[in-house]
């Protein structure tokens, strides 16, 4: 991601996961947020599933708390701010998006665009809602306890089935 940002020619960067579908209005949405004075932000999200608990997860992404964030919501940031913050901290091979969002919030306003990106529910389909939420919570706590990313990655890998 840092290499892509380094080689990007534009003034705004936009990061997203491969299993996320963005709205057709994403360029306009991000430019509007930028025109409102936001140097960074994300979308809310909804899953491609009708399961109640996934709808609940999606609902929570409208709130500004750090536990309601993450890579699935995508991330836009000005190249200037990205470079000022040193980009993604390559120490983190997991939770790098949380680290960057925390640093963004120390220097700039963070916009949650009131539209949704569509996220694959595959991880929840292969596991259970409780299992994925438990894994997310455990790794989140490991992150805040400043445990090594390799420990976080290994814990996450052991808790979830990706086959």
C-alpha atoms as a PDB file:
ATOM      1  CA  UNK A   1       0.000   0.000   0.000  1.00  0.00           C
ATOM      2  CA  UNK A   2       2.861   2.353   0.786  1.00  0.00           C
ATOM      3  CA  UNK A   3       4.498   1.578  -2.559  1.00  0.00           C
ATOM      4  CA  UNK A   4       1.227   2.269  -4.366  1.00  0.00           C
ATOM      5  CA  UNK A   5       0.829   5.565  -2.502  1.00  0.00           C
ATOM      6  CA  UNK A   6       4.416   6.534  -3.288  1.00  0.00           C
ATOM      7  CA  UNK A   7       3.799   5.990  -6.997  1.00  0.00           C
ATOM      8  CA  UNK A   8       0.323   7.552  -7.083  1.00  0.00           C
ATOM      9  CA  UNK A   9       0.127  10.762  -9.076  1.00  0.00           C
ATOM     10  CA  UNK A  10      -3.039  12.200  -7.549  1.00  0.00           C
ATOM     11  CA  UNK A  11      -3.594  14.268  -4.443  1.00  0.00           C
ATOM     12  CA  UNK A  12      -6.093  11.830  -2.890  1.00  0.00           C
ATOM     13  CA  UNK A  13      -5.416   8.181  -2.114  1.00  0.00           C
ATOM     14  CA  UNK A  14      -8.104   5.529  -1.795  1.00  0.00           C
ATOM     15  CA  UNK A  15      -7.481   2.121  -0.217  1.00  0.00           C
ATOM     16  CA  UNK A  16      -9.902  -0.798  -0.314  1.00  0.00           C
ATOM     17  CA  UNK A  17      -9.953  -4.556   0.184  1.00  0.00           C
ATOM     18  CA  UNK A  18     -10.436  -6.917  -2.749  1.00  0.00           C
ATOM     19  CA  UNK A  19     -13.781  -8.208  -1.412  1.00  0.00           C
ATOM     20  CA  UNK A  20     -15.394  -4.760  -1.217  1.00  0.00           C
ATOM     21  CA  UNK A  21     -17.641  -3.229  -3.859  1.00  0.00           C
ATOM     22  CA  UNK A  22     -17.630   0.545  -3.883  1.00  0.00           C
ATOM     23  CA  UNK A  23     -20.559   2.759  -4.894  1.00  0.00           C
ATOM     24  CA  UNK A  24     -20.547   4.311  -8.339  1.00  0.00           C
ATOM     25  CA  UNK A  25     -20.577   7.702  -6.622  1.00  0.00           C
ATOM     26  CA  UNK A  26     -17.277   7.110  -4.797  1.00  0.00           C
ATOM     27  CA  UNK A  27     -15.324   9.823  -6.654  1.00  0.00           C
ATOM     28  CA  UNK A  28     -18.009  12.433  -6.010  1.00  0.00           C
ATOM     29  CA  UNK A  29     -18.490  11.284  -2.400  1.00  0.00           C
ATOM     30  CA  UNK A  30     -14.787  11.544  -1.597  1.00  0.00           C
ATOM     31  CA  UNK A  31     -14.365  14.885  -3.386  1.00  0.00           C
ATOM     32  CA  UNK A  32     -17.378  16.263  -1.486  1.00  0.00           C
ATOM     33  CA  UNK A  33     -15.831  15.157   1.824  1.00  0.00           C
ATOM     34  CA  UNK A  34     -12.542  16.777   0.788  1.00  0.00           C
ATOM     35  CA  UNK A  35     -14.367  20.010  -0.173  1.00  0.00           C
ATOM     36  CA  UNK A  36     -15.962  19.958   3.313  1.00  0.00           C
ATOM     37  CA  UNK A  37     -12.460  20.099   4.792  1.00  0.00           C
ATOM     38  CA  UNK A  38     -11.855  16.409   5.521  1.00  0.00           C
ATOM     39  CA  UNK A  39      -8.406  15.062   4.731  1.00  0.00           C
ATOM     40  CA  UNK A  40      -9.373  11.459   5.467  1.00  0.00           C
ATOM     41  CA  UNK A  41     -12.341   9.218   5.976  1.00  0.00           C
ATOM     42  CA  UNK A  42     -14.191   6.087   5.093  1.00  0.00           C
ATOM     43  CA  UNK A  43     -17.581   4.686   4.195  1.00  0.00           C
ATOM     44  CA  UNK A  44     -20.018   2.802   6.316  1.00  0.00           C
ATOM     45  CA  UNK A  45     -20.515  -0.743   5.132  1.00  0.00           C
ATOM     46  CA  UNK A  46     -23.108  -3.417   4.706  1.00  0.00           C
ATOM     47  CA  UNK A  47     -22.600  -7.102   4.109  1.00  0.00           C
ATOM     48  CA  UNK A  48     -23.886  -9.020   1.110  1.00  0.00           C
ATOM     49  CA  UNK A  49     -26.034 -11.014   3.534  1.00  0.00           C
ATOM     50  CA  UNK A  50     -29.460 -10.662   5.092  1.00  0.00           C
ATOM     51  CA  UNK A  51     -28.432 -12.186   8.446  1.00  0.00           C
ATOM     52  CA  UNK A  52     -29.571 -10.083  11.390  1.00  0.00           C
ATOM     53  CA  UNK A  53     -26.220  -9.960  13.218  1.00  0.00           C
ATOM     54  CA  UNK A  54     -24.410  -8.834  10.075  1.00  0.00           C
ATOM     55  CA  UNK A  55     -27.001  -6.096   9.663  1.00  0.00           C
ATOM     56  CA  UNK A  56     -26.225  -5.105  13.258  1.00  0.00           C
ATOM     57  CA  UNK A  57     -22.479  -4.983  12.487  1.00  0.00           C
ATOM     58  CA  UNK A  58     -23.225  -2.846   9.445  1.00  0.00           C
ATOM     59  CA  UNK A  59     -25.386  -0.473  11.497  1.00  0.00           C
ATOM     60  CA  UNK A  60     -22.520   0.110  13.945  1.00  0.00           C
ATOM     61  CA  UNK A  61     -20.245   1.422  11.175  1.00  0.00           C
ATOM     62  CA  UNK A  62     -22.130   4.725  11.234  1.00  0.00           C
ATOM     63  CA  UNK A  63     -20.540   5.506  14.605  1.00  0.00           C
ATOM     64  CA  UNK A  64     -17.152   7.143  14.965  1.00  0.00           C
ATOM     65  CA  UNK A  65     -15.556   4.822  17.547  1.00  0.00           C
ATOM     66  CA  UNK A  66     -12.308   3.069  16.637  1.00  0.00           C
ATOM     67  CA  UNK A  67     -13.898  -0.362  17.148  1.00  0.00           C
ATOM     68  CA  UNK A  68     -16.377   0.540  14.400  1.00  0.00           C
ATOM     69  CA  UNK A  69     -13.620   1.140  11.849  1.00  0.00           C
ATOM     70  CA  UNK A  70     -11.406  -1.107   9.765  1.00  0.00           C
ATOM     71  CA  UNK A  71     -10.261  -1.837   6.260  1.00  0.00           C
ATOM     72  CA  UNK A  72     -13.592  -3.154   5.026  1.00  0.00           C
ATOM     73  CA  UNK A  73     -14.937   0.386   4.973  1.00  0.00           C
ATOM     74  CA  UNK A  74     -12.170   1.545   2.658  1.00  0.00           C
ATOM     75  CA  UNK A  75     -10.059   4.601   3.452  1.00  0.00           C
ATOM     76  CA  UNK A  76      -9.475   7.862   1.642  1.00  0.00           C
ATOM     77  CA  UNK A  77      -6.687  10.212   2.667  1.00  0.00           C
ATOM     78  CA  UNK A  78      -4.875  13.120   1.099  1.00  0.00           C
ATOM     79  CA  UNK A  79      -1.442  12.198  -0.146  1.00  0.00           C
ATOM     80  CA  UNK A  80      -0.020  15.127   1.842  1.00  0.00           C
ATOM     81  CA  UNK A  81      -1.444  13.812   5.127  1.00  0.00           C
ATOM     82  CA  UNK A  82      -0.471  10.229   4.270  1.00  0.00           C
ATOM     83  CA  UNK A  83       3.146  11.269   3.703  1.00  0.00           C
ATOM     84  CA  UNK A  84       3.152  13.515   6.787  1.00  0.00           C
ATOM     85  CA  UNK A  85       2.078  10.503   8.893  1.00  0.00           C
ATOM     86  CA  UNK A  86       4.662   8.242   7.285  1.00  0.00           C
ATOM     87  CA  UNK A  87       2.029   6.103   5.564  1.00  0.00           C
ATOM     88  CA  UNK A  88       1.097   2.676   6.841  1.00  0.00           C
ATOM     89  CA  UNK A  89       3.433   1.518   9.586  1.00  0.00           C
ATOM     90  CA  UNK A  90       5.014  -1.547   8.005  1.00  0.00           C
ATOM     91  CA  UNK A  91       5.630  -3.020  11.448  1.00  0.00           C
ATOM     92  CA  UNK A  92       1.938  -3.967  11.380  1.00  0.00           C
ATOM     93  CA  UNK A  93       1.131  -6.904   9.122  1.00  0.00           C
ATOM     94  CA  UNK A  94      -2.317  -6.875  10.700  1.00  0.00           C
ATOM     95  CA  UNK A  95      -4.218  -3.941  12.231  1.00  0.00           C
ATOM     96  CA  UNK A  96      -2.296  -1.477  10.043  1.00  0.00           C
ATOM     97  CA  UNK A  97      -5.536   0.306   9.184  1.00  0.00           C
ATOM     98  CA  UNK A  98      -6.377   0.898  12.858  1.00  0.00           C
ATOM     99  CA  UNK A  99      -2.903   2.255  13.497  1.00  0.00           C
ATOM    100  CA  UNK A 100      -3.188   4.679  10.585  1.00  0.00           C
ATOM    101  CA  UNK A 101      -6.700   5.802  11.552  1.00  0.00           C
ATOM    102  CA  UNK A 102      -5.547   6.531  15.096  1.00  0.00           C
ATOM    103  CA  UNK A 103      -2.703   8.663  13.764  1.00  0.00           C
ATOM    104  CA  UNK A 104      -5.021  10.418  11.293  1.00  0.00           C
ATOM    105  CA  UNK A 105      -7.347  11.423  14.130  1.00  0.00           C
ATOM    106  CA  UNK A 106      -4.462  13.081  15.961  1.00  0.00           C
ATOM    107  CA  UNK A 107      -3.875  15.420  12.985  1.00  0.00           C
ATOM    108  CA  UNK A 108      -7.093  15.798  10.998  1.00  0.00           C
ATOM    109  CA  UNK A 109     -10.862  15.503  10.974  1.00  0.00           C
ATOM    110  CA  UNK A 110     -12.087  12.042   9.920  1.00  0.00           C
ATOM    111  CA  UNK A 111     -15.242  11.771   7.800  1.00  0.00           C
ATOM    112  CA  UNK A 112     -17.586   8.805   7.768  1.00  0.00           C
ATOM    113  CA  UNK A 113     -19.356   9.071   4.428  1.00  0.00           C
ATOM    114  CA  UNK A 114     -23.051   8.273   5.032  1.00  0.00           C
ATOM    115  CA  UNK A 115     -23.218   5.715   2.219  1.00  0.00           C
ATOM    116  CA  UNK A 116     -22.317   2.034   2.183  1.00  0.00           C
ATOM    117  CA  UNK A 117     -19.717  -0.076   0.506  1.00  0.00           C
ATOM    118  CA  UNK A 118     -20.760  -3.705   0.030  1.00  0.00           C
ATOM    119  CA  UNK A 119     -18.583  -6.236   1.864  1.00  0.00           C
ATOM    120  CA  UNK A 120     -18.416  -9.976   1.319  1.00  0.00           C
ATOM    121  CA  UNK A 121     -19.830 -12.026   4.199  1.00  0.00           C
ATOM    122  CA  UNK A 122     -17.663 -14.998   3.195  1.00  0.00           C
ATOM    123  CA  UNK A 123     -15.647 -14.974   6.445  1.00  0.00           C
ATOM    124  CA  UNK A 124     -18.900 -15.122   8.442  1.00  0.00           C
ATOM    125  CA  UNK A 125     -20.356 -17.821   6.193  1.00  0.00           C
ATOM    126  CA  UNK A 126     -17.311 -20.072   6.721  1.00  0.00           C
ATOM    127  CA  UNK A 127     -17.260 -19.402  10.467  1.00  0.00           C
ATOM    128  CA  UNK A 128     -19.993 -18.058  12.702  1.00  0.00           C
ATOM    129  CA  UNK A 129     -20.809 -14.496  13.659  1.00  0.00           C
ATOM    130  CA  UNK A 130     -19.733 -15.210  17.238  1.00  0.00           C
ATOM    131  CA  UNK A 131     -16.477 -16.817  16.161  1.00  0.00           C
ATOM    132  CA  UNK A 132     -15.497 -13.918  13.878  1.00  0.00           C
ATOM    133  CA  UNK A 133     -16.497 -11.296  16.450  1.00  0.00           C
ATOM    134  CA  UNK A 134     -14.541 -13.141  19.144  1.00  0.00           C
ATOM    135  CA  UNK A 135     -11.463 -13.317  16.903  1.00  0.00           C
ATOM    136  CA  UNK A 136     -11.803  -9.630  16.026  1.00  0.00           C
ATOM    137  CA  UNK A 137     -12.149  -8.661  19.684  1.00  0.00           C
ATOM    138  CA  UNK A 138      -9.175 -10.769  20.804  1.00  0.00           C
ATOM    139  CA  UNK A 139      -6.898  -9.387  18.088  1.00  0.00           C
ATOM    140  CA  UNK A 140      -8.141  -5.864  18.807  1.00  0.00           C
ATOM    141  CA  UNK A 141      -7.208  -6.289  22.479  1.00  0.00           C
ATOM    142  CA  UNK A 142      -3.823  -7.755  21.507  1.00  0.00           C
ATOM    143  CA  UNK A 143      -3.251  -4.656  19.380  1.00  0.00           C
ATOM    144  CA  UNK A 144      -4.026  -2.314  22.266  1.00  0.00           C
ATOM    145  CA  UNK A 145      -1.817  -4.384  24.569  1.00  0.00           C
ATOM    146  CA  UNK A 146       0.948  -3.747  22.009  1.00  0.00           C
ATOM    147  CA  UNK A 147       1.553  -7.410  21.287  1.00  0.00           C
ATOM    148  CA  UNK A 148       3.709  -8.256  18.280  1.00  0.00           C
ATOM    149  CA  UNK A 149       1.823  -8.376  14.949  1.00  0.00           C
ATOM    150  CA  UNK A 150       3.044 -11.926  14.283  1.00  0.00           C
ATOM    151  CA  UNK A 151       1.278 -13.023  17.486  1.00  0.00           C
ATOM    152  CA  UNK A 152      -1.897 -11.237  16.409  1.00  0.00           C
ATOM    153  CA  UNK A 153      -1.767 -12.789  12.940  1.00  0.00           C
ATOM    154  CA  UNK A 154      -1.203 -16.264  14.316  1.00  0.00           C
ATOM    155  CA  UNK A 155      -4.039 -15.930  16.823  1.00  0.00           C
ATOM    156  CA  UNK A 156      -6.406 -14.725  14.098  1.00  0.00           C
ATOM    157  CA  UNK A 157      -5.358 -17.516  11.751  1.00  0.00           C
ATOM    158  CA  UNK A 158      -5.941 -20.163  14.437  1.00  0.00           C
ATOM    159  CA  UNK A 159      -9.376 -18.815  15.376  1.00  0.00           C
ATOM    160  CA  UNK A 160     -10.853 -18.610  11.865  1.00  0.00           C
ATOM    161  CA  UNK A 161     -11.287 -20.974   8.944  1.00  0.00           C
ATOM    162  CA  UNK A 162     -10.219 -19.435   5.634  1.00  0.00           C
ATOM    163  CA  UNK A 163     -10.337 -22.641   3.566  1.00  0.00           C
END
